[in-house]
Amino acid sequence: MEEAFGPVATLYRVDDRAEALRVANQTSFGLSSSVWTTDAEEQDWFTGRLESGAVFVNGMTASFPELPFGGVKASGYGRELAAEGIREFCNLKTVWRA
């Protein structure tokens, strides 16, 4: 299976948010997710449970230099951009002297 890059929207009819979460998380990829709801409690519920490197609420996936960006699962490991991303490209060395 290959990861789809968009803009792509896949729609599934589900009975409730628990089923929506199950469908969203059953993929082997996890670069980014979008949640569309004006209910603040529902936004928190989804953002805490979606298995992806980023969750965008009421907006499309975007990359901002100020924010770390990267995926989970088969979408990759680590982050790029922002201070966290720069650290991914650094090799730190510890030196201890007695």
PDB file of N, CA and C in Angstrom:
ATOM      1  N   MET A   1       0.841  -1.168   0.000  1.00  0.00           N
ATOM      2  CA  MET A   1       0.000   0.000   0.000  1.00  0.00           C
ATOM      3  C   MET A   1       0.893   1.240   0.000  1.00  0.00           C
ATOM      4  N   GLU A   2       0.499   2.250  -0.738  1.00  0.00           N
ATOM      5  CA  GLU A   2       1.247   3.502  -0.793  1.00  0.00           C
ATOM      6  C   GLU A   2       0.477   4.602  -0.081  1.00  0.00           C
ATOM      7  N   GLU A   3       1.234   5.540   0.454  1.00  0.00           N
ATOM      8  CA  GLU A   3       0.623   6.675   1.144  1.00  0.00           C
ATOM      9  C   GLU A   3       0.125   7.682   0.116  1.00  0.00           C
ATOM     10  N   ALA A   4      -1.098   8.138   0.284  1.00  0.00           N
ATOM     11  CA  ALA A   4      -1.683   9.125  -0.629  1.00  0.00           C
ATOM     12  C   ALA A   4      -1.293  10.530  -0.186  1.00  0.00           C
ATOM     13  N   PHE A   5      -0.869  11.343  -1.132  1.00  0.00           N
ATOM     14  CA  PHE A   5      -0.606  12.744  -0.853  1.00  0.00           C
ATOM     15  C   PHE A   5      -1.611  13.566  -1.640  1.00  0.00           C
ATOM     16  N   GLY A   6      -2.076  14.649  -1.075  1.00  0.00           N
ATOM     17  CA  GLY A   6      -3.244  15.337  -1.563  1.00  0.00           C
ATOM     18  C   GLY A   6      -2.997  16.598  -2.312  1.00  0.00           C
ATOM     19  N   PRO A   7      -4.054  17.348  -2.446  1.00  0.00           N
ATOM     20  CA  PRO A   7      -5.226  17.237  -1.568  1.00  0.00           C
ATOM     21  C   PRO A   7      -6.103  16.033  -1.926  1.00  0.00           C
ATOM     22  N   VAL A   8      -6.410  15.258  -0.909  1.00  0.00           N
ATOM     23  CA  VAL A   8      -7.262  14.081  -1.051  1.00  0.00           C
ATOM     24  C   VAL A   8      -8.221  14.060   0.127  1.00  0.00           C
ATOM     25  N   ALA A   9      -9.464  13.771  -0.133  1.00  0.00           N
ATOM     26  CA  ALA A   9     -10.443  13.614   0.944  1.00  0.00           C
ATOM     27  C   ALA A   9     -11.133  12.276   0.756  1.00  0.00           C
ATOM     28  N   THR A  10     -11.060  11.440   1.765  1.00  0.00           N
ATOM     29  CA  THR A  10     -11.753  10.161   1.751  1.00  0.00           C
ATOM     30  C   THR A  10     -12.898  10.248   2.738  1.00  0.00           C
ATOM     31  N   LEU A  11     -14.083   9.920   2.310  1.00  0.00           N
ATOM     32  CA  LEU A  11     -15.265  10.031   3.161  1.00  0.00           C
ATOM     33  C   LEU A  11     -15.818   8.650   3.487  1.00  0.00           C
ATOM     34  N   TYR A  12     -16.132   8.447   4.750  1.00  0.00           N
ATOM     35  CA  TYR A  12     -16.764   7.222   5.222  1.00  0.00           C
ATOM     36  C   TYR A  12     -17.987   7.618   6.039  1.00  0.00           C
ATOM     37  N   ARG A  13     -19.051   6.875   5.917  1.00  0.00           N
ATOM     38  CA  ARG A  13     -20.231   7.101   6.743  1.00  0.00           C
ATOM     39  C   ARG A  13     -20.075   6.222   7.988  1.00  0.00           C
ATOM     40  N   VAL A  14     -20.127   6.846   9.166  1.00  0.00           N
ATOM     41  CA  VAL A  14     -19.978   6.125  10.429  1.00  0.00           C
ATOM     42  C   VAL A  14     -21.123   6.506  11.368  1.00  0.00           C
ATOM     43  N   ASP A  15     -21.298   5.694  12.403  1.00  0.00           N
ATOM     44  CA  ASP A  15     -22.412   5.921  13.327  1.00  0.00           C
ATOM     45  C   ASP A  15     -22.098   6.914  14.439  1.00  0.00           C
ATOM     46  N   ASP A  16     -20.821   7.003  14.839  1.00  0.00           N
ATOM     47  CA  ASP A  16     -20.467   7.889  15.950  1.00  0.00           C
ATOM     48  C   ASP A  16     -18.980   8.217  15.891  1.00  0.00           C
ATOM     49  N   ARG A  17     -18.537   9.068  16.801  1.00  0.00           N
ATOM     50  CA  ARG A  17     -17.137   9.500  16.766  1.00  0.00           C
ATOM     51  C   ARG A  17     -16.165   8.378  17.120  1.00  0.00           C
ATOM     52  N   ALA A  18     -16.594   7.424  17.923  1.00  0.00           N
ATOM     53  CA  ALA A  18     -15.728   6.285  18.242  1.00  0.00           C
ATOM     54  C   ALA A  18     -15.438   5.467  16.986  1.00  0.00           C
ATOM     55  N   GLU A  19     -16.442   5.264  16.170  1.00  0.00           N
ATOM     56  CA  GLU A  19     -16.236   4.537  14.918  1.00  0.00           C
ATOM     57  C   GLU A  19     -15.397   5.368  13.945  1.00  0.00           C
ATOM     58  N   ALA A  20     -15.609   6.673  13.924  1.00  0.00           N
ATOM     59  CA  ALA A  20     -14.804   7.547  13.071  1.00  0.00           C
ATOM     60  C   ALA A  20     -13.327   7.452  13.466  1.00  0.00           C
ATOM     61  N   LEU A  21     -13.063   7.448  14.753  1.00  0.00           N
ATOM     62  CA  LEU A  21     -11.688   7.332  15.233  1.00  0.00           C
ATOM     63  C   LEU A  21     -11.089   5.982  14.845  1.00  0.00           C
ATOM     64  N   ARG A  22     -11.854   4.912  14.997  1.00  0.00           N
ATOM     65  CA  ARG A  22     -11.370   3.583  14.642  1.00  0.00           C
ATOM     66  C   ARG A  22     -11.012   3.518  13.164  1.00  0.00           C
ATOM     67  N   VAL A  23     -11.869   4.044  12.311  1.00  0.00           N
ATOM     68  CA  VAL A  23     -11.606   4.052  10.870  1.00  0.00           C
ATOM     69  C   VAL A  23     -10.358   4.883  10.563  1.00  0.00           C
ATOM     70  N   ALA A  24     -10.247   6.046  11.166  1.00  0.00           N
ATOM     71  CA  ALA A  24      -9.097   6.922  10.909  1.00  0.00           C
ATOM     72  C   ALA A  24      -7.789   6.278  11.359  1.00  0.00           C
ATOM     73  N   ASN A  25      -7.798   5.589  12.478  1.00  0.00           N
ATOM     74  CA  ASN A  25      -6.567   5.020  13.029  1.00  0.00           C
ATOM     75  C   ASN A  25      -6.205   3.655  12.458  1.00  0.00           C
ATOM     76  N   GLN A  26      -7.072   3.037  11.665  1.00  0.00           N
ATOM     77  CA  GLN A  26      -6.768   1.700  11.165  1.00  0.00           C
ATOM     78  C   GLN A  26      -5.759   1.703  10.019  1.00  0.00           C
ATOM     79  N   THR A  27      -5.411   2.858   9.490  1.00  0.00           N
ATOM     80  CA  THR A  27      -4.418   2.941   8.435  1.00  0.00           C
ATOM     81  C   THR A  27      -3.018   2.705   8.989  1.00  0.00           C
ATOM     82  N   SER A  28      -2.122   2.259   8.128  1.00  0.00           N
ATOM     83  CA  SER A  28      -0.734   2.069   8.558  1.00  0.00           C
ATOM     84  C   SER A  28       0.080   3.350   8.412  1.00  0.00           C
ATOM     85  N   PHE A  29      -0.557   4.427   7.974  1.00  0.00           N
ATOM     86  CA  PHE A  29       0.120   5.709   7.811  1.00  0.00           C
ATOM     87  C   PHE A  29      -0.371   6.701   8.860  1.00  0.00           C
ATOM     88  N   GLY A  30       0.373   7.772   9.061  1.00  0.00           N
ATOM     89  CA  GLY A  30      -0.029   8.743  10.060  1.00  0.00           C
ATOM     90  C   GLY A  30       0.715  10.060   9.954  1.00  0.00           C
ATOM     91  N   LEU A  31       0.720  10.663   8.770  1.00  0.00           N
ATOM     92  CA  LEU A  31       1.397  11.946   8.630  1.00  0.00           C
ATOM     93  C   LEU A  31       0.578  13.052   9.277  1.00  0.00           C
ATOM     94  N   SER A  32      -0.679  13.187   8.877  1.00  0.00           N
ATOM     95  CA  SER A  32      -1.493  14.283   9.379  1.00  0.00           C
ATOM     96  C   SER A  32      -2.969  13.918   9.297  1.00  0.00           C
ATOM     97  N   SER A  33      -3.747  14.531  10.168  1.00  0.00           N
ATOM     98  CA  SER A  33      -5.194  14.339  10.188  1.00  0.00           C
ATOM     99  C   SER A  33      -5.872  15.695  10.253  1.00  0.00           C
ATOM    100  N   SER A  34      -7.118  15.727   9.791  1.00  0.00           N
ATOM    101  CA  SER A  34      -7.945  16.926   9.924  1.00  0.00           C
ATOM    102  C   SER A  34      -9.235  16.557  10.638  1.00  0.00           C
ATOM    103  N   VAL A  35      -9.640  17.413  11.561  1.00  0.00           N
ATOM    104  CA  VAL A  35     -10.895  17.244  12.289  1.00  0.00           C
ATOM    105  C   VAL A  35     -11.734  18.482  12.021  1.00  0.00           C
ATOM    106  N   TRP A  36     -12.976  18.280  11.654  1.00  0.00           N
ATOM    107  CA  TRP A  36     -13.854  19.392  11.333  1.00  0.00           C
ATOM    108  C   TRP A  36     -15.028  19.375  12.287  1.00  0.00           C
ATOM    109  N   THR A  37     -14.981  20.239  13.300  1.00  0.00           N
ATOM    110  CA  THR A  37     -16.068  20.371  14.264  1.00  0.00           C
ATOM    111  C   THR A  37     -15.908  21.693  15.009  1.00  0.00           C
ATOM    112  N   THR A  38     -17.014  22.290  15.388  1.00  0.00           N
ATOM    113  CA  THR A  38     -16.966  23.520  16.180  1.00  0.00           C
ATOM    114  C   THR A  38     -17.109  23.229  17.670  1.00  0.00           C
ATOM    115  N   ASP A  39     -17.309  21.984  18.039  1.00  0.00           N
ATOM    116  CA  ASP A  39     -17.471  21.577  19.438  1.00  0.00           C
ATOM    117  C   ASP A  39     -16.082  21.420  20.082  1.00  0.00           C
ATOM    118  N   ALA A  40     -15.753  22.274  21.028  1.00  0.00           N
ATOM    119  CA  ALA A  40     -14.422  22.269  21.652  1.00  0.00           C
ATOM    120  C   ALA A  40     -14.103  20.941  22.336  1.00  0.00           C
ATOM    121  N   GLU A  41     -15.073  20.338  22.992  1.00  0.00           N
ATOM    122  CA  GLU A  41     -14.832  19.056  23.657  1.00  0.00           C
ATOM    123  C   GLU A  41     -14.530  17.972  22.635  1.00  0.00           C
ATOM    124  N   GLU A  42     -15.228  17.991  21.522  1.00  0.00           N
ATOM    125  CA  GLU A  42     -14.993  17.015  20.455  1.00  0.00           C
ATOM    126  C   GLU A  42     -13.630  17.242  19.806  1.00  0.00           C
ATOM    127  N   GLN A  43     -13.218  18.494  19.645  1.00  0.00           N
ATOM    128  CA  GLN A  43     -11.885  18.792  19.119  1.00  0.00           C
ATOM    129  C   GLN A  43     -10.818  18.173  20.019  1.00  0.00           C
ATOM    130  N   ASP A  44     -10.933  18.385  21.319  1.00  0.00           N
ATOM    131  CA  ASP A  44      -9.973  17.812  22.274  1.00  0.00           C
ATOM    132  C   ASP A  44      -9.995  16.292  22.238  1.00  0.00           C
ATOM    133  N   TRP A  45     -11.177  15.719  22.152  1.00  0.00           N
ATOM    134  CA  TRP A  45     -11.314  14.267  22.135  1.00  0.00           C
ATOM    135  C   TRP A  45     -10.571  13.665  20.949  1.00  0.00           C
ATOM    136  N   PHE A  46     -10.767  14.229  19.756  1.00  0.00           N
ATOM    137  CA  PHE A  46     -10.103  13.708  18.561  1.00  0.00           C
ATOM    138  C   PHE A  46      -8.603  13.976  18.562  1.00  0.00           C
ATOM    139  N   THR A  47      -8.196  15.195  18.905  1.00  0.00           N
ATOM    140  CA  THR A  47      -6.764  15.508  18.836  1.00  0.00           C
ATOM    141  C   THR A  47      -5.959  14.652  19.805  1.00  0.00           C
ATOM    142  N   GLY A  48      -6.541  14.265  20.904  1.00  0.00           N
ATOM    143  CA  GLY A  48      -5.833  13.407  21.846  1.00  0.00           C
ATOM    144  C   GLY A  48      -5.794  11.946  21.450  1.00  0.00           C
ATOM    145  N   ARG A  49      -6.611  11.530  20.504  1.00  0.00           N
ATOM    146  CA  ARG A  49      -6.727  10.110  20.163  1.00  0.00           C
ATOM    147  C   ARG A  49      -6.301   9.755  18.741  1.00  0.00           C
ATOM    148  N   LEU A  50      -6.250  10.709  17.848  1.00  0.00           N
ATOM    149  CA  LEU A  50      -5.844  10.404  16.473  1.00  0.00           C
ATOM    150  C   LEU A  50      -4.366  10.042  16.427  1.00  0.00           C
ATOM    151  N   GLU A  51      -4.042   8.976  15.725  1.00  0.00           N
ATOM    152  CA  GLU A  51      -2.668   8.498  15.620  1.00  0.00           C
ATOM    153  C   GLU A  51      -2.023   9.104  14.376  1.00  0.00           C
ATOM    154  N   SER A  52      -1.553  10.334  14.528  1.00  0.00           N
ATOM    155  CA  SER A  52      -0.884  11.021  13.430  1.00  0.00           C
ATOM    156  C   SER A  52       0.107  12.018  14.000  1.00  0.00           C
ATOM    157  N   GLY A  53       1.054  12.423  13.169  1.00  0.00           N
ATOM    158  CA  GLY A  53       2.068  13.361  13.610  1.00  0.00           C
ATOM    159  C   GLY A  53       1.544  14.765  13.826  1.00  0.00           C
ATOM    160  N   ALA A  54       0.434  15.085  13.188  1.00  0.00           N
ATOM    161  CA  ALA A  54      -0.181  16.405  13.332  1.00  0.00           C
ATOM    162  C   ALA A  54      -1.693  16.263  13.190  1.00  0.00           C
ATOM    163  N   VAL A  55      -2.409  17.109  13.899  1.00  0.00           N
ATOM    164  CA  VAL A  55      -3.861  17.172  13.761  1.00  0.00           C
ATOM    165  C   VAL A  55      -4.223  18.633  13.519  1.00  0.00           C
ATOM    166  N   PHE A  56      -4.927  18.870  12.439  1.00  0.00           N
ATOM    167  CA  PHE A  56      -5.379  20.212  12.109  1.00  0.00           C
ATOM    168  C   PHE A  56      -6.880  20.276  12.363  1.00  0.00           C
ATOM    169  N   VAL A  57      -7.312  21.261  13.132  1.00  0.00           N
ATOM    170  CA  VAL A  57      -8.717  21.418  13.483  1.00  0.00           C
ATOM    171  C   VAL A  57      -9.325  22.486  12.582  1.00  0.00           C
ATOM    172  N   ASN A  58     -10.346  22.090  11.855  1.00  0.00           N
ATOM    173  CA  ASN A  58     -11.059  22.985  10.933  1.00  0.00           C
ATOM    174  C   ASN A  58     -10.126  23.627   9.912  1.00  0.00           C
ATOM    175  N   GLY A  59      -9.181  22.859   9.428  1.00  0.00           N
ATOM    176  CA  GLY A  59      -8.259  23.340   8.415  1.00  0.00           C
ATOM    177  C   GLY A  59      -7.514  22.188   7.776  1.00  0.00           C
ATOM    178  N   MET A  60      -6.934  22.463   6.630  1.00  0.00           N
ATOM    179  CA  MET A  60      -6.170  21.458   5.895  1.00  0.00           C
ATOM    180  C   MET A  60      -4.748  21.364   6.448  1.00  0.00           C
ATOM    181  N   THR A  61      -4.108  20.248   6.225  1.00  0.00           N
ATOM    182  CA  THR A  61      -2.718  20.065   6.621  1.00  0.00           C
ATOM    183  C   THR A  61      -1.848  21.124   5.966  1.00  0.00           C
ATOM    184  N   ALA A  62      -0.996  21.719   6.759  1.00  0.00           N
ATOM    185  CA  ALA A  62      -0.066  22.731   6.262  1.00  0.00           C
ATOM    186  C   ALA A  62       1.241  22.607   7.026  1.00  0.00           C
ATOM    187  N   SER A  63       2.288  23.102   6.450  1.00  0.00           N
ATOM    188  CA  SER A  63       3.605  23.067   7.074  1.00  0.00           C
ATOM    189  C   SER A  63       4.033  24.496   7.373  1.00  0.00           C
ATOM    190  N   PHE A  64       4.340  24.767   8.628  1.00  0.00           N
ATOM    191  CA  PHE A  64       4.765  26.092   9.059  1.00  0.00           C
ATOM    192  C   PHE A  64       6.183  26.007   9.611  1.00  0.00           C
ATOM    193  N   PRO A  65       7.082  26.909   9.236  1.00  0.00           N
ATOM    194  CA  PRO A  65       8.461  26.841   9.718  1.00  0.00           C
ATOM    195  C   PRO A  65       8.579  26.903  11.239  1.00  0.00           C
ATOM    196  N   GLU A  66       7.598  27.515  11.908  1.00  0.00           N
ATOM    197  CA  GLU A  66       7.657  27.662  13.364  1.00  0.00           C
ATOM    198  C   GLU A  66       7.229  26.393  14.105  1.00  0.00           C
ATOM    199  N   LEU A  67       6.648  25.424  13.399  1.00  0.00           N
ATOM    200  CA  LEU A  67       6.105  24.226  14.047  1.00  0.00           C
ATOM    201  C   LEU A  67       6.792  22.971  13.537  1.00  0.00           C
ATOM    202  N   PRO A  68       7.085  22.022  14.418  1.00  0.00           N
ATOM    203  CA  PRO A  68       7.665  20.758  13.958  1.00  0.00           C
ATOM    204  C   PRO A  68       6.654  19.994  13.109  1.00  0.00           C
ATOM    205  N   PHE A  69       7.150  19.270  12.101  1.00  0.00           N
ATOM    206  CA  PHE A  69       6.266  18.541  11.193  1.00  0.00           C
ATOM    207  C   PHE A  69       6.864  17.178  10.898  1.00  0.00           C
ATOM    208  N   GLY A  70       6.062  16.147  10.998  1.00  0.00           N
ATOM    209  CA  GLY A  70       6.489  14.794  10.672  1.00  0.00           C
ATOM    210  C   GLY A  70       5.403  13.810  11.040  1.00  0.00           C
ATOM    211  N   GLY A  71       5.579  12.569  10.617  1.00  0.00           N
ATOM    212  CA  GLY A  71       4.542  11.574  10.793  1.00  0.00           C
ATOM    213  C   GLY A  71       4.866  10.502  11.812  1.00  0.00           C
ATOM    214  N   VAL A  72       3.947   9.568  11.919  1.00  0.00           N
ATOM    215  CA  VAL A  72       4.106   8.387  12.756  1.00  0.00           C
ATOM    216  C   VAL A  72       3.755   7.175  11.889  1.00  0.00           C
ATOM    217  N   LYS A  73       3.894   5.992  12.459  1.00  0.00           N
ATOM    218  CA  LYS A  73       3.634   4.738  11.745  1.00  0.00           C
ATOM    219  C   LYS A  73       4.518   4.695  10.495  1.00  0.00           C
ATOM    220  N   ALA A  74       3.970   4.269   9.364  1.00  0.00           N
ATOM    221  CA  ALA A  74       4.757   4.157   8.131  1.00  0.00           C
ATOM    222  C   ALA A  74       4.970   5.500   7.436  1.00  0.00           C
ATOM    223  N   SER A  75       4.542   6.577   8.052  1.00  0.00           N
ATOM    224  CA  SER A  75       4.747   7.909   7.486  1.00  0.00           C
ATOM    225  C   SER A  75       6.053   8.534   7.944  1.00  0.00           C
ATOM    226  N   GLY A  76       6.843   7.799   8.682  1.00  0.00           N
ATOM    227  CA  GLY A  76       8.159   8.300   9.036  1.00  0.00           C
ATOM    228  C   GLY A  76       8.380   8.444  10.517  1.00  0.00           C
ATOM    229  N   TYR A  77       9.595   8.797  10.823  1.00  0.00           N
ATOM    230  CA  TYR A  77      10.031   8.933  12.199  1.00  0.00           C
ATOM    231  C   TYR A  77      10.761  10.257  12.336  1.00  0.00           C
ATOM    232  N   GLY A  78      10.483  10.989  13.385  1.00  0.00           N
ATOM    233  CA  GLY A  78      11.172  12.251  13.614  1.00  0.00           C
ATOM    234  C   GLY A  78      10.396  13.432  13.070  1.00  0.00           C
ATOM    235  N   ARG A  79      11.006  14.605  13.232  1.00  0.00           N
ATOM    236  CA  ARG A  79      10.361  15.849  12.829  1.00  0.00           C
ATOM    237  C   ARG A  79      11.335  16.711  12.045  1.00  0.00           C
ATOM    238  N   GLU A  80      10.781  17.556  11.214  1.00  0.00           N
ATOM    239  CA  GLU A  80      11.549  18.597  10.543  1.00  0.00           C
ATOM    240  C   GLU A  80      10.933  19.934  10.919  1.00  0.00           C
ATOM    241  N   LEU A  81      11.627  20.994  10.641  1.00  0.00           N
ATOM    242  CA  LEU A  81      11.190  22.363  10.929  1.00  0.00           C
ATOM    243  C   LEU A  81      11.224  22.668  12.425  1.00  0.00           C
ATOM    244  N   ALA A  82      11.239  23.928  12.762  1.00  0.00           N
ATOM    245  CA  ALA A  82      11.275  24.442  14.142  1.00  0.00           C
ATOM    246  C   ALA A  82      12.498  23.898  14.885  1.00  0.00           C
ATOM    247  N   ALA A  83      12.626  24.261  16.144  1.00  0.00           N
ATOM    248  CA  ALA A  83      13.779  23.832  16.943  1.00  0.00           C
ATOM    249  C   ALA A  83      13.842  22.317  17.060  1.00  0.00           C
ATOM    250  N   GLU A  84      12.681  21.666  17.206  1.00  0.00           N
ATOM    251  CA  GLU A  84      12.643  20.213  17.318  1.00  0.00           C
ATOM    252  C   GLU A  84      13.174  19.552  16.054  1.00  0.00           C
ATOM    253  N   GLY A  85      12.844  20.120  14.904  1.00  0.00           N
ATOM    254  CA  GLY A  85      13.303  19.573  13.631  1.00  0.00           C
ATOM    255  C   GLY A  85      14.791  19.720  13.423  1.00  0.00           C
ATOM    256  N   ILE A  86      15.339  20.851  13.811  1.00  0.00           N
ATOM    257  CA  ILE A  86      16.789  21.048  13.690  1.00  0.00           C
ATOM    258  C   ILE A  86      17.530  20.002  14.516  1.00  0.00           C
ATOM    259  N   ARG A  87      17.031  19.695  15.684  1.00  0.00           N
ATOM    260  CA  ARG A  87      17.677  18.692  16.548  1.00  0.00           C
ATOM    261  C   ARG A  87      17.705  17.308  15.903  1.00  0.00           C
ATOM    262  N   GLU A  88      16.744  17.014  15.035  1.00  0.00           N
ATOM    263  CA  GLU A  88      16.722  15.720  14.346  1.00  0.00           C
ATOM    264  C   GLU A  88      17.939  15.551  13.432  1.00  0.00           C
ATOM    265  N   PHE A  89      18.505  16.659  12.971  1.00  0.00           N
ATOM    266  CA  PHE A  89      19.631  16.605  12.046  1.00  0.00           C
ATOM    267  C   PHE A  89      20.977  16.802  12.734  1.00  0.00           C
ATOM    268  N   CYS A  90      20.988  16.851  14.053  1.00  0.00           N
ATOM    269  CA  CYS A  90      22.218  17.074  14.817  1.00  0.00           C
ATOM    270  C   CYS A  90      22.709  15.779  15.453  1.00  0.00           C
ATOM    271  N   ASN A  91      23.991  15.631  15.509  1.00  0.00           N
ATOM    272  CA  ASN A  91      24.608  14.545  16.253  1.00  0.00           C
ATOM    273  C   ASN A  91      25.294  15.163  17.459  1.00  0.00           C
ATOM    274  N   LEU A  92      24.744  14.930  18.613  1.00  0.00           N
ATOM    275  CA  LEU A  92      25.298  15.492  19.830  1.00  0.00           C
ATOM    276  C   LEU A  92      26.420  14.610  20.339  1.00  0.00           C
ATOM    277  N   LYS A  93      27.385  15.230  20.955  1.00  0.00           N
ATOM    278  CA  LYS A  93      28.492  14.489  21.530  1.00  0.00           C
ATOM    279  C   LYS A  93      28.631  14.866  22.991  1.00  0.00           C
ATOM    280  N   THR A  94      28.697  13.871  23.832  1.00  0.00           N
ATOM    281  CA  THR A  94      28.923  14.094  25.254  1.00  0.00           C
ATOM    282  C   THR A  94      30.408  13.900  25.535  1.00  0.00           C
ATOM    283  N   VAL A  95      30.978  14.850  26.250  1.00  0.00           N
ATOM    284  CA  VAL A  95      32.379  14.742  26.676  1.00  0.00           C
ATOM    285  C   VAL A  95      32.392  14.874  28.186  1.00  0.00           C
ATOM    286  N   TRP A  96      32.974  13.892  28.833  1.00  0.00           N
ATOM    287  CA  TRP A  96      33.076  13.906  30.306  1.00  0.00           C
ATOM    288  C   TRP A  96      34.543  13.764  30.660  1.00  0.00           C
ATOM    289  N   ARG A  97      35.019  14.625  31.517  1.00  0.00           N
ATOM    290  CA  ARG A  97      36.417  14.582  31.959  1.00  0.00           C
ATOM    291  C   ARG A  97      36.471  14.498  33.456  1.00  0.00           C
ATOM    292  N   ALA A  98      37.364  13.665  33.951  1.00  0.00           N
ATOM    293  CA  ALA A  98      37.546  13.528  35.400  1.00  0.00           C
ATOM    294  C   ALA A  98      38.777  14.289  35.837  1.00  0.00           C
TER     295      ALA A  98
END
